[in-house]
C-alpha atoms as a PDB file:
ATOM      1  CA  UNK A   1      29.087  98.375 129.737  1.00  0.00           C
ATOM      2  CA  UNK A   2      32.122 101.036 129.505  1.00  0.00           C
ATOM      3  CA  UNK A   3      32.165 101.261 133.251  1.00  0.00           C
ATOM      4  CA  UNK A   4      32.614  97.749 133.619  1.00  0.00           C
ATOM      5  CA  UNK A   5      35.471  97.665 130.930  1.00  0.00           C
ATOM      6  CA  UNK A   6      36.876 100.596 132.922  1.00  0.00           C
ATOM      7  CA  UNK A   7      36.654  99.246 136.250  1.00  0.00           C
ATOM      8  CA  UNK A   8      38.411  96.178 135.159  1.00  0.00           C
ATOM      9  CA  UNK A   9      41.114  98.016 133.394  1.00  0.00           C
ATOM     10  CA  UNK A  10      41.876  99.848 136.662  1.00  0.00           C
ATOM     11  CA  UNK A  11      42.008  96.461 138.644  1.00  0.00           C
ATOM     12  CA  UNK A  12      44.605  95.231 136.149  1.00  0.00           C
ATOM     13  CA  UNK A  13      46.712  98.324 136.531  1.00  0.00           C
ATOM     14  CA  UNK A  14      46.589  98.675 140.308  1.00  0.00           C
ATOM     15  CA  UNK A  15      47.388  94.769 140.542  1.00  0.00           C
ATOM     16  CA  UNK A  16      50.409  95.168 138.273  1.00  0.00           C
ATOM     17  CA  UNK A  17      51.469  98.099 140.152  1.00  0.00           C
ATOM     18  CA  UNK A  18      51.386  96.201 143.494  1.00  0.00           C
ATOM     19  CA  UNK A  19      53.072  93.263 142.037  1.00  0.00           C
ATOM     20  CA  UNK A  20      55.951  94.920 140.670  1.00  0.00           C
ATOM     21  CA  UNK A  21      56.674  97.551 143.464  1.00  0.00           C
ATOM     22  CA  UNK A  22      58.712  97.383 146.582  1.00  0.00           C
ATOM     23  CA  UNK A  23      58.978  99.031 150.027  1.00  0.00           C
ATOM     24  CA  UNK A  24      56.984 102.105 150.490  1.00  0.00           C
ATOM     25  CA  UNK A  25      55.495 102.141 146.929  1.00  0.00           C
ATOM     26  CA  UNK A  26      54.122  98.623 147.584  1.00  0.00           C
ATOM     27  CA  UNK A  27      52.320  99.762 150.779  1.00  0.00           C
ATOM     28  CA  UNK A  28      50.871 102.658 148.608  1.00  0.00           C
ATOM     29  CA  UNK A  29      49.883 100.448 145.842  1.00  0.00           C
ATOM     30  CA  UNK A  30      48.110  97.985 148.197  1.00  0.00           C
ATOM     31  CA  UNK A  31      46.232 101.063 149.799  1.00  0.00           C
ATOM     32  CA  UNK A  32      45.211 102.184 146.446  1.00  0.00           C
ATOM     33  CA  UNK A  33      44.030  98.511 145.720  1.00  0.00           C
ATOM     34  CA  UNK A  34      42.182  98.295 148.929  1.00  0.00           C
ATOM     35  CA  UNK A  35      40.510 101.844 148.149  1.00  0.00           C
ATOM     36  CA  UNK A  36      39.478 100.283 144.686  1.00  0.00           C
ATOM     37  CA  UNK A  37      37.573  97.490 146.055  1.00  0.00           C
ATOM     38  CA  UNK A  38      35.569  99.756 148.560  1.00  0.00           C
ATOM     39  CA  UNK A  39      34.732 102.459 146.069  1.00  0.00           C
ATOM     40  CA  UNK A  40      31.881 102.284 143.440  1.00  0.00           C
ATOM     41  CA  UNK A  41      33.898 100.888 140.757  1.00  0.00           C
ATOM     42  CA  UNK A  42      35.029  97.723 142.809  1.00  0.00           C
ATOM     43  CA  UNK A  43      31.656  97.215 144.032  1.00  0.00           C
ATOM     44  CA  UNK A  44      30.232  97.350 140.550  1.00  0.00           C
ATOM     45  CA  UNK A  45      32.929  94.994 139.191  1.00  0.00           C
ATOM     46  CA  UNK A  46      32.198  92.578 142.161  1.00  0.00           C
ATOM     47  CA  UNK A  47      28.562  92.643 141.264  1.00  0.00           C
ATOM     48  CA  UNK A  48      29.049  91.909 137.800  1.00  0.00           C
ATOM     49  CA  UNK A  49      31.446  89.088 138.146  1.00  0.00           C
ATOM     50  CA  UNK A  50      29.044  87.539 141.017  1.00  0.00           C
ATOM     51  CA  UNK A  51      26.072  88.021 138.560  1.00  0.00           C
ATOM     52  CA  UNK A  52      28.094  86.352 135.956  1.00  0.00           C
ATOM     53  CA  UNK A  53      28.958  83.374 138.192  1.00  0.00           C
ATOM     54  CA  UNK A  54      25.522  82.942 139.163  1.00  0.00           C
ATOM     55  CA  UNK A  55      24.206  82.933 135.628  1.00  0.00           C
ATOM     56  CA  UNK A  56      26.920  80.834 134.528  1.00  0.00           C
ATOM     57  CA  UNK A  57      25.836  78.133 137.148  1.00  0.00           C
ATOM     58  CA  UNK A  58      22.278  78.284 135.938  1.00  0.00           C
ATOM     59  CA  UNK A  59      23.080  77.851 132.263  1.00  0.00           C
ATOM     60  CA  UNK A  60      25.368  74.766 133.154  1.00  0.00           C
ATOM     61  CA  UNK A  61      22.825  73.035 135.220  1.00  0.00           C
ATOM     62  CA  UNK A  62      20.369  73.915 132.512  1.00  0.00           C
ATOM     63  CA  UNK A  63      22.512  72.310 129.706  1.00  0.00           C
ATOM     64  CA  UNK A  64      23.169  69.264 131.985  1.00  0.00           C
ATOM     65  CA  UNK A  65      19.755  68.843 132.597  1.00  0.00           C
ATOM     66  CA  UNK A  66      18.709  68.275 129.003  1.00  0.00           C
END
């Protein structure tokens, strides 16, 4: 669980850095953000949110069917 929290924290930091940088720093921040998604942390975070979305859909369907 701590890995998911740390991955989310890294995503927020990289995104903020990308949004508030300009010029050459923005290109570097974009490269860092792309690298984050292709590494283990990004894949783990993507898998977690994907599983949470699928689970949420099943829960909503289950609640609405009662």
